[in-house]
Protein backbone atom coordinates (compact mmCIF):
# COMPACT_ATOMS: atom_id res chain seq x y z
CA MET A 1 -37.15 8.08 49.10
CA ARG A 2 -38.99 9.03 45.99
CA PRO A 3 -36.59 11.85 44.97
CA ARG A 4 -33.66 9.54 45.68
CA ALA A 5 -35.19 6.76 43.56
CA MET A 6 -35.76 9.23 40.76
CA ALA A 7 -32.16 10.41 40.98
CA GLU A 8 -30.89 6.83 40.83
CA GLU A 9 -33.11 6.10 37.84
CA LYS A 10 -31.85 9.23 36.09
CA ALA A 11 -28.24 8.26 36.84
CA ALA A 12 -28.88 4.83 35.35
CA GLU A 13 -30.34 6.42 32.24
CA ASP A 14 -27.34 8.78 31.95
CA ALA A 15 -24.92 5.86 32.30
CA SER A 16 -26.67 3.63 29.78
CA PRO A 17 -25.21 5.23 26.61
CA ILE A 18 -21.69 4.70 27.93
CA GLU A 19 -22.48 1.12 28.88
CA ALA A 20 -24.00 0.54 25.45
CA PHE A 21 -20.90 2.00 23.81
CA LEU A 22 -18.67 -0.18 25.98
CA GLU A 23 -20.63 -3.28 25.01
CA THR A 24 -20.43 -2.39 21.32
CA THR A 25 -16.69 -1.78 21.63
CA ARG A 26 -16.16 -5.12 23.39
CA THR A 27 -18.08 -6.89 20.61
CA GLU A 28 -16.03 -5.10 17.96
CA LEU A 29 -12.81 -6.02 19.76
CA ALA A 30 -13.83 -9.69 19.84
CA GLN A 31 -14.61 -9.61 16.11
CA VAL A 32 -11.30 -7.91 15.30
CA ARG A 33 -9.41 -10.50 17.34
CA ASN A 34 -11.14 -13.31 15.44
CA GLN A 35 -10.25 -11.64 12.15
CA ALA A 36 -6.66 -11.30 13.34
CA LYS A 37 -6.50 -15.04 14.09
CA GLU A 38 -7.82 -15.86 10.62
CA ILE A 39 -5.33 -13.47 9.01
CA SER A 40 -2.49 -15.04 11.01
CA LEU A 41 -3.38 -18.48 9.64
CA LEU A 42 -3.51 -17.11 6.09
CA VAL A 43 -0.15 -15.39 6.59
CA GLU A 44 1.38 -18.66 7.77
CA GLN A 45 -0.05 -20.57 4.80
CA SER A 46 1.04 -17.91 2.30
CA GLN A 47 4.54 -17.81 3.78
CA GLY A 48 4.74 -21.57 3.29
CA GLU A 49 3.72 -21.21 -0.36
CA VAL A 50 6.30 -18.45 -0.88
CA ASP A 51 9.03 -20.63 0.62
CA LYS A 52 8.07 -23.50 -1.72
CA LEU A 53 8.12 -21.20 -4.75
CA VAL A 54 11.52 -19.81 -3.72
CA GLN A 55 12.93 -23.36 -3.58
CA ARG A 56 11.29 -24.24 -6.90
CA ASN A 57 12.73 -21.17 -8.59
CA ALA A 58 16.17 -21.93 -7.20
CA ALA A 59 15.94 -25.42 -8.70
CA ILE A 60 14.83 -24.03 -12.07
CA THR A 61 17.69 -21.51 -12.05
CA GLY A 62 20.12 -24.34 -11.38
CA GLN A 63 18.60 -26.28 -14.27
CA LEU A 64 19.06 -23.28 -16.58
CA HIS A 65 22.72 -23.00 -15.64
CA THR A 66 23.15 -26.70 -16.38
CA ILE A 67 21.49 -26.25 -19.77
CA LEU A 68 23.76 -23.33 -20.58
CA ALA A 69 26.81 -25.38 -19.64
CA ASN A 70 25.70 -28.02 -22.16
CA PHE A 71 24.05 -25.67 -24.59
CA ASP A 72 25.29 -27.33 -27.80
CA THR A 73 23.87 -30.74 -26.87
CA VAL A 74 20.55 -29.72 -25.33
CA PRO A 75 17.53 -29.68 -27.69
CA ARG A 76 16.26 -26.16 -28.46
CA GLU A 77 12.77 -27.10 -27.29
CA ASP A 78 14.14 -28.10 -23.87
CA ILE A 79 15.90 -24.76 -23.60
CA ARG A 80 12.72 -22.85 -24.39
CA GLU A 81 10.62 -24.93 -21.98
CA ALA A 82 13.12 -24.36 -19.18
CA TYR A 83 13.21 -20.64 -19.87
CA GLU A 84 9.40 -20.40 -19.91
CA ALA A 85 9.23 -22.39 -16.67
CA ALA A 86 11.62 -19.89 -15.08
CA GLN A 87 9.45 -16.95 -16.16
CA ASP A 88 6.29 -18.65 -14.92
CA GLY A 89 7.90 -19.41 -11.57
CA GLN A 90 9.01 -15.82 -11.11
CA GLN A 91 5.55 -14.49 -11.92
CA ARG A 92 3.95 -16.90 -9.45
CA LEU A 93 6.43 -15.90 -6.76
CA PHE A 94 5.84 -12.20 -7.41
CA SER A 95 2.06 -12.69 -7.18
CA MET A 96 2.24 -14.81 -4.02
CA ARG A 97 4.58 -12.36 -2.30
CA GLY A 98 2.20 -9.54 -3.16
CA GLN A 99 -0.62 -11.51 -1.55
CA LEU A 100 1.54 -12.21 1.50
CA GLU A 101 2.44 -8.53 1.89
CA LYS A 102 -1.23 -7.54 1.75
CA LEU A 103 -2.10 -10.10 4.42
CA GLN A 104 0.78 -8.91 6.59
CA SER A 105 -0.41 -5.32 6.16
CA ASP A 106 -3.92 -6.39 7.18
CA GLN A 107 -2.43 -8.16 10.19
CA VAL A 108 -0.54 -5.06 11.33
CA ASN A 109 -3.56 -2.80 10.93
CA LEU A 110 -5.89 -5.20 12.72
CA LYS A 111 -3.41 -5.35 15.62
CA ARG A 112 -3.30 -1.55 15.68
CA TYR A 113 -7.10 -1.33 15.63
CA SER A 114 -7.36 -4.01 18.34
CA ASP A 115 -4.97 -2.07 20.56
CA PHE A 116 -6.99 1.10 20.01
CA LEU A 117 -10.24 -0.61 20.98
CA ALA A 118 -8.59 -2.15 24.03
CA LYS A 119 -7.23 1.22 25.12
CA THR A 120 -10.68 2.77 24.67
CA ILE A 121 -12.25 0.12 26.89
CA GLN A 122 -9.47 0.53 29.43
CA LEU A 123 -10.01 4.28 29.68
CA LEU A 124 -13.79 4.00 29.92
CA GLU A 125 -13.52 1.36 32.64
CA GLY A 126 -11.21 3.54 34.67
CA GLY A 127 -7.81 2.11 33.81
CA ALA A 128 -8.47 -1.63 34.17
CA GLU A 129 -6.15 -3.92 32.27
CA VAL A 130 -8.01 -5.38 29.31
CA VAL A 131 -5.51 -6.74 26.85
CA SER A 132 -1.87 -7.54 26.66
CA GLY A 133 0.14 -5.47 24.22
CA ALA A 134 -1.69 -2.24 24.98
CA MET A 135 -0.80 0.96 23.23
CA PRO A 136 2.77 2.11 23.86
CA ALA A 137 3.13 4.21 26.98
CA SER A 138 6.79 5.16 26.90
CA ARG A 139 9.12 6.98 24.57
CA THR A 140 11.24 3.83 24.23
CA GLU A 141 8.26 1.84 22.98
CA LEU A 142 7.40 4.58 20.49
CA VAL A 143 10.96 4.58 19.16
CA GLU A 144 10.89 0.78 18.86
CA GLN A 145 7.60 0.99 16.97
CA LEU A 146 9.06 3.56 14.57
CA ILE A 147 12.14 1.41 13.93
CA ARG A 148 9.97 -1.64 13.23
CA ALA A 149 7.89 0.38 10.79
CA GLN A 150 11.02 1.59 9.00
CA GLU A 151 12.47 -1.91 8.78
CA GLU A 152 9.17 -3.28 7.48
CA GLU A 153 9.19 -0.66 4.74
CA ARG A 154 12.80 -1.50 3.85
CA ARG A 155 11.93 -5.21 3.76
CA LYS A 156 9.02 -4.54 1.42
CA ILE A 157 11.16 -2.43 -0.93
CA SER A 158 13.92 -5.05 -0.89
CA ARG A 159 11.46 -7.78 -1.81
CA GLN A 160 9.97 -5.69 -4.63
CA ILE A 161 13.41 -5.06 -6.09
CA HIS A 162 14.35 -8.73 -5.73
CA ASP A 163 11.19 -9.96 -7.44
CA GLY A 164 11.23 -7.26 -10.09
CA PRO A 165 14.46 -5.69 -11.40
CA ALA A 166 16.83 -8.23 -9.79
CA GLN A 167 15.03 -11.21 -11.34
CA SER A 168 14.84 -9.41 -14.67
CA LEU A 169 18.59 -8.71 -14.62
CA SER A 170 19.21 -12.39 -13.93
CA ASN A 171 17.09 -13.23 -16.97
CA PHE A 172 19.05 -10.71 -19.04
CA ILE A 173 22.26 -12.60 -18.31
CA LEU A 174 20.71 -15.92 -19.34
CA GLN A 175 19.18 -14.44 -22.51
CA THR A 176 22.48 -12.83 -23.44
CA GLU A 177 24.33 -16.14 -23.07
CA ILE A 178 21.69 -17.89 -25.17
CA ALA A 179 21.93 -15.21 -27.87
CA LEU A 180 25.73 -15.43 -27.96
CA ARG A 181 25.65 -19.20 -28.42
CA LEU A 182 22.91 -18.99 -31.07
CA PHE A 183 24.96 -16.61 -33.22
CA ASP A 184 27.18 -19.53 -34.27
CA SER A 185 24.28 -21.83 -35.20
CA ASP A 186 21.12 -19.80 -35.86
CA GLN A 187 21.53 -16.06 -36.29
CA GLU A 188 17.81 -15.49 -36.85
CA LYS A 189 17.01 -17.04 -33.46
CA ALA A 190 19.79 -14.95 -31.93
CA ARG A 191 18.19 -11.78 -33.32
CA GLU A 192 14.84 -12.83 -31.82
CA GLU A 193 16.47 -13.33 -28.43
CA LEU A 194 18.16 -9.93 -28.63
CA SER A 195 14.89 -8.26 -29.63
CA SER A 196 13.16 -9.91 -26.68
CA LEU A 197 16.01 -8.83 -24.42
CA LYS A 198 15.70 -5.21 -25.59
CA ALA A 199 11.95 -5.15 -24.86
CA ALA A 200 12.45 -6.70 -21.43
CA ALA A 201 15.18 -4.17 -20.62
CA ALA A 202 12.87 -1.27 -21.53
CA THR A 203 10.10 -2.69 -19.32
CA THR A 204 12.48 -3.22 -16.42
CA PHE A 205 13.89 0.29 -16.77
CA ALA A 206 10.35 1.71 -16.57
CA SER A 207 9.67 -0.42 -13.47
CA VAL A 208 12.84 0.82 -11.78
CA ARG A 209 11.84 4.43 -12.44
CA ASP A 210 8.41 3.73 -10.94
CA TYR A 211 10.00 2.16 -7.84
CA ILE A 212 12.22 5.20 -7.36
CA PHE A 213 9.34 7.63 -7.86
CA ASP A 214 7.05 5.77 -5.45
CA LEU A 215 9.79 5.44 -2.85
CA ARG A 216 10.76 9.10 -2.85
CA PRO A 217 10.18 11.35 -5.88
CA MET A 218 13.40 13.32 -6.27
CA MET A 219 11.52 16.15 -7.93
CA LEU A 220 9.54 16.59 -4.69
CA ASP A 221 12.74 17.87 -3.06
CA ASP A 222 13.88 19.79 -6.13
CA LEU A 223 10.66 21.34 -7.47
CA GLY A 224 8.05 20.95 -4.75
CA LEU A 225 4.54 19.60 -4.30
CA VAL A 226 2.62 20.87 -7.34
CA PRO A 227 5.10 19.82 -10.09
CA THR A 228 5.41 16.39 -8.45
CA VAL A 229 1.63 15.93 -8.22
CA ARG A 230 1.33 17.10 -11.84
CA ARG A 231 3.86 14.50 -12.97
CA TYR A 232 2.20 11.78 -10.88
CA THR A 233 -1.32 12.53 -12.16
CA GLU A 234 -0.12 12.50 -15.77
CA ALA A 235 1.46 9.07 -15.26
CA PHE A 236 -1.63 7.87 -13.37
CA LYS A 237 -3.85 8.98 -16.25
CA ASP A 238 -1.69 7.17 -18.80
CA LYS A 239 -1.67 3.92 -16.80
CA THR A 240 -5.36 3.81 -15.86
CA GLY A 241 -7.04 5.50 -18.81
CA LEU A 242 -9.19 7.56 -16.43
CA ASN A 243 -10.32 11.03 -17.41
CA LEU A 244 -8.26 12.88 -14.80
CA THR A 245 -7.82 16.64 -14.46
CA LEU A 246 -5.57 18.60 -12.11
CA MET A 247 -6.42 22.14 -11.06
CA VAL A 248 -4.15 24.44 -9.05
CA THR A 249 -6.28 27.38 -7.88
CA SER A 250 -3.57 29.50 -6.28
CA PRO A 251 0.02 30.56 -6.90
CA GLU A 252 2.44 27.71 -6.36
CA ARG A 253 4.85 27.91 -3.44
CA ARG A 254 7.19 25.66 -1.54
CA LEU A 255 6.19 24.15 1.81
CA GLU A 256 8.13 22.51 4.60
CA SER A 257 9.52 19.19 3.40
CA HIS A 258 7.43 16.98 5.69
CA LEU A 259 4.22 18.76 4.62
CA GLU A 260 5.01 18.30 0.94
CA VAL A 261 5.60 14.60 1.56
CA LEU A 262 2.36 14.28 3.55
CA LEU A 263 0.24 16.00 0.91
CA PHE A 264 1.82 14.08 -1.97
CA ARG A 265 1.23 10.77 -0.16
CA ALA A 266 -2.36 11.86 0.52
CA VAL A 267 -3.03 12.45 -3.18
CA GLN A 268 -1.26 9.20 -3.99
CA GLU A 269 -3.39 7.24 -1.49
CA LEU A 270 -6.67 8.82 -2.62
CA LEU A 271 -5.98 8.21 -6.30
CA GLY A 272 -4.98 4.64 -5.46
CA ASN A 273 -8.38 4.18 -3.80
CA VAL A 274 -10.11 5.57 -6.88
CA ARG A 275 -8.26 3.07 -9.06
CA GLU A 276 -8.89 0.08 -6.79
CA TYR A 277 -12.39 0.64 -5.46
CA ALA A 278 -14.33 3.57 -6.94
CA GLN A 279 -15.14 2.19 -10.42
CA ALA A 280 -14.96 5.80 -11.60
CA THR A 281 -14.50 7.19 -15.11
CA GLN A 282 -13.71 10.80 -14.14
CA VAL A 283 -11.41 12.15 -11.43
CA LYS A 284 -10.57 15.71 -10.47
CA VAL A 285 -7.64 16.72 -8.24
CA THR A 286 -7.57 20.28 -6.89
CA ILE A 287 -4.78 21.93 -4.90
CA ASP A 288 -5.29 25.31 -3.25
CA MET A 289 -2.59 27.06 -1.22
CA ASP A 290 -3.08 30.12 0.95
CA GLU A 291 -1.02 31.65 3.73
CA ALA A 292 -2.61 29.55 6.46
CA GLN A 293 -3.26 26.15 4.92
CA VAL A 294 -3.13 23.87 1.91
CA ARG A 295 -6.27 22.16 0.65
CA ALA A 296 -5.94 19.03 -1.53
CA THR A 297 -9.21 17.68 -2.93
CA VAL A 298 -9.86 14.48 -4.88
CA GLU A 299 -13.30 14.03 -6.45
CA ASP A 300 -14.61 11.14 -8.55
CA ASN A 301 -17.88 9.98 -10.12
CA GLY A 302 -17.56 6.40 -8.86
CA ARG A 303 -19.73 4.19 -6.70
CA GLY A 304 -19.05 6.15 -3.50
CA PHE A 305 -19.03 4.83 0.06
CA ASN A 306 -20.48 5.49 3.49
CA PRO A 307 -17.88 7.49 5.47
CA GLU A 308 -19.46 6.45 8.77
CA SER A 309 -18.94 2.75 8.07
CA LEU A 310 -15.23 2.72 7.22
CA GLN A 311 -13.77 -0.53 8.57
CA LEU A 312 -10.25 -1.84 8.82
CA LYS A 313 -11.36 -5.10 7.24
CA ASP A 314 -11.93 -3.17 4.00
CA GLY A 315 -8.83 -2.08 2.07
CA GLU A 316 -10.34 1.25 1.13
CA GLY A 317 -11.37 2.05 4.71
CA ARG A 318 -8.04 1.01 6.18
CA GLY A 319 -6.10 3.30 3.87
CA LEU A 320 -8.38 6.26 4.54
CA LEU A 321 -8.24 5.77 8.30
CA THR A 322 -4.44 5.60 8.20
CA LEU A 323 -4.34 8.75 6.08
CA ARG A 324 -6.66 10.51 8.53
CA ASP A 325 -4.32 9.63 11.41
CA ARG A 326 -1.30 11.05 9.57
CA VAL A 327 -3.09 14.25 8.66
CA MET A 328 -4.34 14.76 12.22
CA GLN A 329 -0.81 14.24 13.58
CA ALA A 330 0.25 17.19 11.41
CA GLY A 331 -2.52 19.32 12.92
CA GLY A 332 -4.78 19.00 9.88
CA SER A 333 -8.10 17.41 9.10
CA ILE A 334 -9.75 15.28 6.42
CA GLU A 335 -13.33 15.64 5.22
CA PHE A 336 -15.30 12.80 3.61
CA ASP A 337 -18.25 13.67 1.41
CA SER A 338 -19.69 10.62 -0.30
CA ASP A 339 -22.86 8.67 -0.89
CA GLY A 340 -23.49 5.29 -2.46
CA GLY A 341 -23.61 5.54 -6.25
CA LYS A 342 -22.98 9.29 -6.27
CA GLY A 343 -19.22 9.48 -6.24
CA SER A 344 -17.03 10.90 -3.50
CA ARG A 345 -15.20 14.06 -2.55
CA ILE A 346 -12.34 13.93 -0.04
CA VAL A 347 -10.64 17.08 1.19
CA VAL A 348 -7.33 17.10 3.05
CA LEU A 349 -6.58 20.30 4.98
CA VAL A 350 -3.08 20.88 6.37
CA PRO A 351 -1.99 24.08 8.19
CA THR A 352 1.20 25.72 7.00
CA ARG A 353 3.67 28.31 8.20
CA SER A 354 3.72 31.44 6.09
């Protein structure tokens, strides 16, 4: 009996780490579900605010058209107040929609993380059903998931264009009509309107170019990874004021299209994290290509982070975890080297075909 009792005790000790991990995973799943419920409420509230702002802006636009129809009899101060109200409304709508999109992104990632935890528990428990909406098990579900992701991206781009260039073009029309009417009564005011219109057009043109570049840099297809990263880092440096250097430590060469996209998006994501979270003053981007792989490294002197504690509830962690998944799907790996207050160094390794 004694050997048997000892064997049972040893088996219990061997099983305890798994049980402890299961318990921790269940607790994490419960916390993620609670966070998801809170996010859902915030999404609903933000959507309501966006709807109200859309209606308010529509009313203001209607008021502006009425003013233009009676331009000669409406006091100039009323015209300016209405125009300023329209600009304020558009800025508020743009800001609120940005907040809504972030919440919706958090919601999607929390759902993804929840499904992953549920699948982990299911596998460890021997296939028991744990949660509805488990990870997709069929090709059809994977295709549906891909289509939803594509449509979500299209919806986001459409909204950005609507709130940015489309609204600006609408303002251009109104400003042009105001300037044309002012030429008969106050040419100096008309010149001011035209000068304002020219500045707004230049800003909108720059925004459109940024949208196009972020969506799909055409030079990535034409010139390849390194020239595109060089152009992006130069623009990033100008916008942020960070001391950024780019080093290419090997001869440049073209890669397969999907690998160039992956590596460019990796650099884009890592630099975005530096801008948003690192509080850095210096950044170094290094690209090294050999016959077997490409290594993209982003280093900064910022506040750093603990790689072992990356959480989906944190914007920085969510982006890095998503990037890691994409890199691993391409057969690569990502290395995190960071410590609190000592900066960070992140290396993305992707195998290539020579």
